[in-house]
Amino acid sequence: MIVYGTISKSDGDYVAQHEAEFKTARYPLHVFLNSEGGDVAAAMQIGRIMRNSEAKVTTQQNAKCFSSCALVYIAGVFRENPSGVIGLHRPYLAASLNREAIERAAPIMLQRIKDYVREMGVSNSFYEAMVNTEVSDIRLYHGNEIKKLVPETDPAYDEIENGYEARKYGVSAAEMRLRKTVVKQRCQPLFSDNPGALGRVMDCEQAIYWGLDDVTYKRVAKDGFSQCTPSEEDLKIYRATDIKKRRDLPFYIKQETCIRDAMHSGR
């Protein structure tokens, strides 16, 4: 999905109409951003649907994601901004209102934004950077500079993913994080030295996650995965299930157990 140009109420309505599709898609939703902002309420509506769909978000190369677009950006459970620009400034009311109406509406709008930012698991520093910046004096974050305010991975999502991975490999959550550290130290440099060695990097990662040496992993994995193939009926159930609930399906857990037993028995 692409969020491009001015964000409007019709954009929010369009995304809402397709929410069920996003939640049962084969792969998690990936949203590309290139917008200078627009309707704040629509941006938060889109953001909440994205979060419920566990969407990944990317600011496209040399793209801008300003104002309310930044509210869409923080909704991603995984956020990439390698070469785009995130711009923050104080949100403002689009309609021309009288004094009394503004005094009522402005605090409500700001409180809703503050609640939304907290809901997305982002610190109050992001909210403060936004509301304390004049509209005419936008604050720009180039590339990875936005990580100072918004972590690349949502903390709650990171804990959930680590828990599922720990279950998959049959280790504790703490041990899973230790193994991920070893992967970064040992396997990622292989890709940096030779971008064509993706297969070798993946074998390196999986061997460490399973607690095996490279040779043993390749020998065991060859047969370990093939004997645990799900049925077509199981796959139909999987595809029809909300993406956030798929890994808790009985057949999925059974398949994980099958693979884990096969991998551990081959040590």
Foldseek 3Di string as FASTA:
>chain_A
DEDEEEQDQVNLVVLVVCLLVQQLPPDHAEYEYAYQYYDLVSLLSNLVSSLLSQYEYEHDAQGEQEDSSVLNQLSHQAHFQAFYKYKAAADDDPDDDDPVVCVVPVVVVLVVSQVSCVVSQWDCVRSCLRNVHHPVGIDMQGGPSCCVGHPRGRPVVVQVVLCLLCLLLVHDSVVSVVLVVVLVVPQPVVCVVPVVVVVVSVLVSVCSSNVHDSVLSVVQVVPLLVVLDDDPVLVVVLSSDGNVCNCVDPSNSVSSVSSNCSSVVSD
